[in-house]
C-alpha atoms as a PDB file:
ATOM      1  CA  MET A   1     -38.302 -40.750 -39.897  1.00  0.00           C
ATOM      2  CA  LYS A   2     -36.478 -41.212 -36.342  1.00  0.00           C
ATOM      3  CA  SER A   3     -39.529 -42.431 -35.420  1.00  0.00           C
ATOM      4  CA  THR A   4     -38.170 -46.065 -33.908  1.00  0.00           C
ATOM      5  CA  LEU A   5     -40.067 -49.406 -32.592  1.00  0.00           C
ATOM      6  CA  ARG A   6     -38.659 -49.775 -29.268  1.00  0.00           C
ATOM      7  CA  ILE A   7     -38.122 -53.624 -29.299  1.00  0.00           C
ATOM      8  CA  LEU A   8     -36.173 -54.829 -27.313  1.00  0.00           C
ATOM      9  CA  PHE A   9     -32.869 -57.274 -27.769  1.00  0.00           C
ATOM     10  CA  LEU A  10     -34.080 -59.383 -25.359  1.00  0.00           C
ATOM     11  CA  CYS A  11     -36.996 -60.198 -26.983  1.00  0.00           C
ATOM     12  CA  PHE A  12     -34.635 -62.113 -29.269  1.00  0.00           C
ATOM     13  CA  VAL A  13     -32.102 -62.921 -26.657  1.00  0.00           C
ATOM     14  CA  SER A  14     -33.871 -64.264 -23.688  1.00  0.00           C
ATOM     15  CA  VAL A  15     -37.653 -64.360 -25.394  1.00  0.00           C
ATOM     16  CA  VAL A  16     -38.861 -63.113 -21.922  1.00  0.00           C
ATOM     17  CA  GLY A  17     -42.296 -61.440 -21.871  1.00  0.00           C
ATOM     18  CA  CYS A  18     -42.283 -60.269 -25.885  1.00  0.00           C
ATOM     19  CA  LEU A  19     -43.591 -63.468 -27.075  1.00  0.00           C
ATOM     20  CA  ASN A  20     -47.204 -64.695 -26.779  1.00  0.00           C
ATOM     21  CA  THR A  21     -46.370 -68.911 -26.773  1.00  0.00           C
ATOM     22  CA  PRO A  22     -43.826 -70.471 -24.021  1.00  0.00           C
ATOM     23  CA  PRO A  23     -40.400 -71.497 -25.565  1.00  0.00           C
ATOM     24  CA  ARG A  24     -40.148 -75.397 -25.813  1.00  0.00           C
ATOM     25  CA  HIS A  25     -36.075 -76.178 -24.680  1.00  0.00           C
ATOM     26  CA  SER A  26     -33.443 -78.913 -24.769  1.00  0.00           C
ATOM     27  CA  SER A  27     -30.257 -78.638 -23.265  1.00  0.00           C
ATOM     28  CA  THR A  28     -28.811 -77.357 -26.170  1.00  0.00           C
ATOM     29  CA  LEU A  29     -31.575 -75.461 -27.796  1.00  0.00           C
ATOM     30  CA  SER A  30     -34.970 -73.480 -27.183  1.00  0.00           C
ATOM     31  CA  TYR A  31     -36.857 -71.794 -29.710  1.00  0.00           C
ATOM     32  CA  THR A  32     -40.363 -69.838 -29.637  1.00  0.00           C
ATOM     33  CA  LYS A  33     -42.842 -68.815 -32.445  1.00  0.00           C
ATOM     34  CA  THR A  34     -46.026 -66.275 -31.983  1.00  0.00           C
ATOM     35  CA  ASP A  35     -49.480 -66.334 -32.869  1.00  0.00           C
ATOM     36  CA  GLU A  36     -48.324 -63.724 -35.403  1.00  0.00           C
ATOM     37  CA  PHE A  37     -45.510 -65.593 -37.084  1.00  0.00           C
ATOM     38  CA  LYS A  38     -48.493 -68.813 -38.297  1.00  0.00           C
ATOM     39  CA  LYS A  39     -50.590 -65.474 -39.685  1.00  0.00           C
ATOM     40  CA  THR A  40     -47.595 -63.685 -41.397  1.00  0.00           C
ATOM     41  CA  LEU A  41     -46.952 -64.641 -45.114  1.00  0.00           C
ATOM     42  CA  VAL A  42     -43.888 -64.683 -45.588  1.00  0.00           C
ATOM     43  CA  ARG A  43     -42.499 -64.961 -49.683  1.00  0.00           C
ATOM     44  CA  ARG A  44     -39.265 -63.574 -49.131  1.00  0.00           C
ATOM     45  CA  VAL A  45     -36.494 -63.879 -46.855  1.00  0.00           C
ATOM     46  CA  LEU A  46     -33.772 -61.005 -46.238  1.00  0.00           C
ATOM     47  CA  LEU A  47     -30.633 -62.585 -44.472  1.00  0.00           C
ATOM     48  CA  VAL A  48     -28.506 -59.681 -42.519  1.00  0.00           C
ATOM     49  CA  PRO A  49     -24.873 -60.485 -41.600  1.00  0.00           C
ATOM     50  CA  PHE A  50     -24.837 -61.533 -37.903  1.00  0.00           C
ATOM     51  CA  GLU A  51     -23.657 -60.209 -34.959  1.00  0.00           C
ATOM     52  CA  TYR A  52     -20.652 -61.852 -33.270  1.00  0.00           C
ATOM     53  CA  GLN A  53     -19.178 -61.551 -29.816  1.00  0.00           C
ATOM     54  CA  VAL A  54     -16.188 -63.939 -31.116  1.00  0.00           C
ATOM     55  CA  ASP A  55     -12.901 -62.920 -31.931  1.00  0.00           C
ATOM     56  CA  ARG A  56     -12.458 -64.436 -35.256  1.00  0.00           C
ATOM     57  CA  GLU A  57     -14.593 -62.343 -38.366  1.00  0.00           C
ATOM     58  CA  ALA A  58     -14.211 -65.617 -40.643  1.00  0.00           C
ATOM     59  CA  VAL A  59     -16.631 -67.148 -38.362  1.00  0.00           C
ATOM     60  CA  ILE A  60     -19.421 -64.667 -40.071  1.00  0.00           C
ATOM     61  CA  ASP A  61     -18.963 -65.986 -43.769  1.00  0.00           C
ATOM     62  CA  GLU A  62     -18.941 -69.482 -42.342  1.00  0.00           C
ATOM     63  CA  VAL A  63     -22.002 -69.357 -40.353  1.00  0.00           C
ATOM     64  CA  MET A  64     -23.999 -66.833 -43.105  1.00  0.00           C
ATOM     65  CA  GLU A  65     -23.696 -69.569 -45.552  1.00  0.00           C
ATOM     66  CA  ALA A  66     -24.851 -72.199 -43.207  1.00  0.00           C
ATOM     67  CA  PHE A  67     -27.986 -70.019 -42.289  1.00  0.00           C
ATOM     68  CA  ALA A  68     -28.334 -69.378 -46.121  1.00  0.00           C
ATOM     69  CA  VAL A  69     -28.266 -73.037 -47.215  1.00  0.00           C
ATOM     70  CA  GLU A  70     -30.597 -74.376 -44.616  1.00  0.00           C
ATOM     71  CA  LEU A  71     -33.032 -71.597 -44.753  1.00  0.00           C
ATOM     72  CA  ARG A  72     -33.626 -72.078 -48.481  1.00  0.00           C
ATOM     73  CA  LYS A  73     -33.841 -76.042 -48.089  1.00  0.00           C
ATOM     74  CA  ILE A  74     -37.111 -75.012 -45.662  1.00  0.00           C
ATOM     75  CA  GLY A  75     -38.358 -74.354 -49.568  1.00  0.00           C
ATOM     76  CA  SER A  76     -41.512 -72.467 -48.348  1.00  0.00           C
ATOM     77  CA  PHE A  77     -39.690 -68.941 -49.136  1.00  0.00           C
ATOM     78  CA  GLU A  78     -37.016 -67.093 -50.868  1.00  0.00           C
ATOM     79  CA  VAL A  79     -33.690 -66.409 -48.924  1.00  0.00           C
ATOM     80  CA  ILE A  80     -32.336 -63.101 -50.181  1.00  0.00           C
ATOM     81  CA  VAL A  81     -28.240 -62.156 -49.057  1.00  0.00           C
ATOM     82  CA  PRO A  82     -27.151 -58.979 -49.314  1.00  0.00           C
ATOM     83  CA  SER A  83     -24.715 -58.941 -52.397  1.00  0.00           C
ATOM     84  CA  GLU A  84     -22.599 -55.456 -50.943  1.00  0.00           C
ATOM     85  CA  ASP A  85     -19.652 -55.642 -48.828  1.00  0.00           C
ATOM     86  CA  LYS A  86     -20.212 -55.938 -45.136  1.00  0.00           C
ATOM     87  CA  ALA A  87     -18.561 -51.911 -44.683  1.00  0.00           C
ATOM     88  CA  ALA A  88     -21.831 -51.102 -47.074  1.00  0.00           C
ATOM     89  CA  LEU A  89     -24.024 -53.079 -44.916  1.00  0.00           C
ATOM     90  CA  ILE A  90     -22.902 -51.105 -41.663  1.00  0.00           C
ATOM     91  CA  PRO A  91     -26.017 -48.584 -41.370  1.00  0.00           C
ATOM     92  CA  GLU A  92     -28.351 -51.735 -41.639  1.00  0.00           C
ATOM     93  CA  HIS A  93     -26.638 -54.268 -39.853  1.00  0.00           C
ATOM     94  CA  GLU A  94     -26.036 -51.913 -36.488  1.00  0.00           C
ATOM     95  CA  ILE A  95     -29.941 -51.783 -35.681  1.00  0.00           C
ATOM     96  CA  TRP A  96     -29.401 -55.272 -34.042  1.00  0.00           C
ATOM     97  CA  ALA A  97     -26.628 -54.134 -32.244  1.00  0.00           C
ATOM     98  CA  ARG A  98     -28.096 -51.276 -30.860  1.00  0.00           C
ATOM     99  CA  GLY A  99     -30.852 -53.522 -29.144  1.00  0.00           C
ATOM    100  CA  THR A 100     -33.590 -51.112 -31.079  1.00  0.00           C
ATOM    101  CA  ILE A 101     -35.160 -52.252 -34.439  1.00  0.00           C
ATOM    102  CA  ASN A 102     -35.423 -48.519 -36.445  1.00  0.00           C
ATOM    103  CA  LEU A 103     -38.836 -48.220 -38.144  1.00  0.00           C
ATOM    104  CA  SER A 104     -37.286 -46.033 -41.099  1.00  0.00           C
ATOM    105  CA  THR A 105     -34.706 -48.864 -41.811  1.00  0.00           C
ATOM    106  CA  LEU A 106     -36.897 -51.571 -41.692  1.00  0.00           C
ATOM    107  CA  LEU A 107     -39.246 -50.153 -43.853  1.00  0.00           C
ATOM    108  CA  ALA A 108     -35.852 -49.074 -46.398  1.00  0.00           C
ATOM    109  CA  LEU A 109     -35.024 -52.785 -46.527  1.00  0.00           C
ATOM    110  CA  LYS A 110     -38.683 -54.239 -46.969  1.00  0.00           C
ATOM    111  CA  LYS A 111     -38.912 -51.476 -50.117  1.00  0.00           C
ATOM    112  CA  LYS A 112     -35.210 -52.476 -51.570  1.00  0.00           C
ATOM    113  CA  TYR A 113     -35.237 -56.061 -50.910  1.00  0.00           C
ATOM    114  CA  ASP A 114     -39.517 -56.591 -51.399  1.00  0.00           C
ATOM    115  CA  ALA A 115     -38.653 -58.997 -47.866  1.00  0.00           C
ATOM    116  CA  ASP A 116     -41.378 -59.788 -45.886  1.00  0.00           C
ATOM    117  CA  ALA A 117     -39.424 -60.907 -43.117  1.00  0.00           C
ATOM    118  CA  ILE A 118     -35.404 -60.444 -41.808  1.00  0.00           C
ATOM    119  CA  VAL A 119     -33.577 -63.058 -40.479  1.00  0.00           C
ATOM    120  CA  PHE A 120     -30.911 -61.867 -38.019  1.00  0.00           C
ATOM    121  CA  GLY A 121     -28.609 -63.476 -35.263  1.00  0.00           C
ATOM    122  CA  ASN A 122     -25.621 -63.232 -32.966  1.00  0.00           C
ATOM    123  CA  ILE A 123     -23.157 -65.622 -32.911  1.00  0.00           C
ATOM    124  CA  THR A 124     -22.557 -66.253 -29.297  1.00  0.00           C
ATOM    125  CA  HIS A 125     -20.082 -69.290 -28.963  1.00  0.00           C
ATOM    126  CA  TYR A 126     -17.176 -70.391 -30.964  1.00  0.00           C
ATOM    127  CA  ARG A 127     -14.367 -72.551 -30.825  1.00  0.00           C
ATOM    128  CA  PRO A 128     -13.056 -73.862 -34.509  1.00  0.00           C
ATOM    129  CA  TYR A 129     -11.152 -76.855 -33.607  1.00  0.00           C
ATOM    130  CA  GLU A 130     -12.057 -80.271 -31.071  1.00  0.00           C
ATOM    131  CA  PRO A 131     -14.065 -80.112 -29.333  1.00  0.00           C
ATOM    132  CA  MET A 132     -15.854 -77.894 -31.873  1.00  0.00           C
ATOM    133  CA  LEU A 133     -18.190 -75.438 -30.216  1.00  0.00           C
ATOM    134  CA  LEU A 134     -20.857 -72.782 -31.657  1.00  0.00           C
ATOM    135  CA  GLY A 135     -23.602 -70.761 -30.363  1.00  0.00           C
ATOM    136  CA  VAL A 136     -26.063 -68.753 -32.224  1.00  0.00           C
ATOM    137  CA  LYS A 137     -29.066 -66.855 -31.342  1.00  0.00           C
ATOM    138  CA  ALA A 138     -31.419 -66.085 -34.345  1.00  0.00           C
ATOM    139  CA  GLY A 139     -34.456 -64.306 -34.766  1.00  0.00           C
ATOM    140  CA  MET A 140     -37.187 -63.232 -37.571  1.00  0.00           C
ATOM    141  CA  ILE A 141     -39.036 -59.911 -37.836  1.00  0.00           C
ATOM    142  CA  SER A 142     -42.189 -59.234 -39.908  1.00  0.00           C
ATOM    143  CA  THR A 143     -41.507 -56.251 -42.070  1.00  0.00           C
ATOM    144  CA  ASN A 144     -44.897 -55.625 -42.177  1.00  0.00           C
ATOM    145  CA  THR A 145     -45.707 -55.279 -38.184  1.00  0.00           C
ATOM    146  CA  GLY A 146     -41.805 -55.013 -36.635  1.00  0.00           C
ATOM    147  CA  ILE A 147     -42.575 -57.743 -34.601  1.00  0.00           C
ATOM    148  CA  VAL A 148     -40.332 -60.343 -33.739  1.00  0.00           C
ATOM    149  CA  VAL A 149     -42.118 -63.986 -35.145  1.00  0.00           C
ATOM    150  CA  TRP A 150     -39.515 -66.236 -34.343  1.00  0.00           C
ATOM    151  CA  SER A 151     -36.327 -66.943 -32.309  1.00  0.00           C
ATOM    152  CA  ALA A 152     -33.833 -69.667 -31.452  1.00  0.00           C
ATOM    153  CA  ASP A 153     -31.004 -69.489 -29.069  1.00  0.00           C
ATOM    154  CA  GLY A 154     -28.508 -72.706 -29.536  1.00  0.00           C
ATOM    155  CA  VAL A 155     -25.095 -73.538 -28.046  1.00  0.00           C
ATOM    156  CA  PHE A 156     -23.820 -76.763 -29.864  1.00  0.00           C
ATOM    157  CA  ASP A 157     -20.375 -77.970 -27.671  1.00  0.00           C
ATOM    158  CA  SER A 158     -19.349 -81.308 -29.543  1.00  0.00           C
ATOM    159  CA  ASN A 159     -17.996 -82.272 -26.225  1.00  0.00           C
ATOM    160  CA  GLU A 160     -21.084 -83.038 -24.636  1.00  0.00           C
ATOM    161  CA  ASN A 161     -23.110 -86.462 -25.038  1.00  0.00           C
ATOM    162  CA  GLU A 162     -26.279 -85.040 -26.477  1.00  0.00           C
ATOM    163  CA  VAL A 163     -24.535 -82.828 -28.749  1.00  0.00           C
ATOM    164  CA  ALA A 164     -22.698 -85.754 -30.178  1.00  0.00           C
ATOM    165  CA  GLU A 165     -25.947 -87.858 -30.652  1.00  0.00           C
ATOM    166  CA  LEU A 166     -27.173 -84.683 -32.582  1.00  0.00           C
ATOM    167  CA  VAL A 167     -24.647 -84.947 -35.018  1.00  0.00           C
ATOM    168  CA  LYS A 168     -24.690 -88.483 -35.245  1.00  0.00           C
ATOM    169  CA  HIS A 169     -28.357 -88.323 -36.277  1.00  0.00           C
ATOM    170  CA  TYR A 170     -27.821 -85.022 -38.476  1.00  0.00           C
ATOM    171  CA  PHE A 171     -24.777 -87.148 -40.629  1.00  0.00           C
ATOM    172  CA  GLU A 172     -27.212 -90.095 -40.990  1.00  0.00           C
ATOM    173  CA  SER A 173     -29.901 -88.226 -42.664  1.00  0.00           C
ATOM    174  CA  THR A 174     -27.908 -86.105 -44.936  1.00  0.00           C
ATOM    175  CA  HIS A 175     -24.791 -88.062 -45.677  1.00  0.00           C
ATOM    176  CA  GLN A 176     -23.491 -91.268 -46.917  1.00  0.00           C
ATOM    177  CA  LYS A 177     -22.922 -93.717 -44.040  1.00  0.00           C
ATOM    178  CA  SER A 178     -19.881 -94.924 -45.667  1.00  0.00           C
ATOM    179  CA  ALA A 179     -17.989 -91.788 -46.047  1.00  0.00           C
ATOM    180  CA  LEU A 180     -14.714 -91.365 -44.672  1.00  0.00           C
ATOM    181  CA  TYR A 181     -14.506 -91.019 -40.657  1.00  0.00           C
ATOM    182  CA  GLY A 182     -18.243 -91.446 -40.550  1.00  0.00           C
ATOM    183  CA  TRP A 183     -20.006 -88.733 -38.399  1.00  0.00           C
ATOM    184  CA  LYS A 184     -16.880 -87.194 -37.097  1.00  0.00           C
ATOM    185  CA  LEU A 185     -16.360 -85.956 -40.232  1.00  0.00           C
ATOM    186  CA  ILE A 186     -19.042 -83.083 -39.273  1.00  0.00           C
ATOM    187  CA  LEU A 187     -16.354 -82.286 -36.433  1.00  0.00           C
ATOM    188  CA  LEU A 188     -13.164 -81.805 -38.451  1.00  0.00           C
ATOM    189  CA  SER A 189     -14.644 -78.776 -39.879  1.00  0.00           C
ATOM    190  CA  MET A 190     -15.737 -75.600 -38.804  1.00  0.00           C
ATOM    191  CA  ARG A 191     -17.701 -75.098 -42.033  1.00  0.00           C
ATOM    192  CA  ARG A 192     -19.288 -78.300 -41.887  1.00  0.00           C
ATOM    193  CA  TYR A 193     -20.111 -78.130 -37.842  1.00  0.00           C
ATOM    194  CA  SER A 194     -22.039 -74.438 -38.591  1.00  0.00           C
ATOM    195  CA  GLN A 195     -24.148 -76.229 -41.310  1.00  0.00           C
ATOM    196  CA  PHE A 196     -25.114 -78.718 -38.712  1.00  0.00           C
ATOM    197  CA  VAL A 197     -26.080 -75.914 -36.340  1.00  0.00           C
ATOM    198  CA  ALA A 198     -27.513 -73.671 -38.881  1.00  0.00           C
ATOM    199  CA  ASN A 199     -29.682 -76.887 -39.654  1.00  0.00           C
ATOM    200  CA  GLN A 200     -30.845 -77.801 -36.169  1.00  0.00           C
ATOM    201  CA  ILE A 201     -31.607 -74.104 -35.363  1.00  0.00           C
ATOM    202  CA  THR A 202     -33.776 -73.376 -38.823  1.00  0.00           C
ATOM    203  CA  GLU A 203     -35.846 -77.208 -38.174  1.00  0.00           C
ATOM    204  CA  THR A 204     -37.450 -75.134 -35.274  1.00  0.00           C
ATOM    205  CA  LEU A 205     -39.439 -73.029 -38.300  1.00  0.00           C
ATOM    206  CA  GLN A 206     -40.563 -75.783 -39.462  1.00  0.00           C
ATOM    207  CA  TYR A 207     -42.112 -77.408 -35.803  1.00  0.00           C
END
């Protein structure tokens, strides 16, 4: 079962040539969904640990927790997060890092978790102090077809005016406006900032 689907990680990173619909852009976030996305029945989604290009492994827990919460808020599918420790997940995790998707592993995950799709990602930027910075590339692959049906790429630097406005809007729609520190509360904790970024990225699944 060494057969592999040679789906370049570039499908997910730059979304060039592998997806059928043109990406929508803002200065901080771009995303793409294929026609296949609309046809795919997704009841259960497996969220696997993200790759990271930063030197602080703790960021994984913060970002993964945020994405699990925001994906569940969508409400149209069940989100499964593996309970095994990171070491046990290495064989499943590394299929993304190698730039290819191993078909036998994909089918094994589908069977093990009864998952219709897998959400994977890569943490590209991370600064846990003001001005907060977090960059994430995320994708969803159908376990039935092996096709990346959604991908998003965002870099959120709170030092930029546009990002600050997004944080304010997010705060006003999700928090009590009378909260101590106001919208800047989001900028005092990387856990809160991760929640903001995860919200911005996963919202594109509903557009």
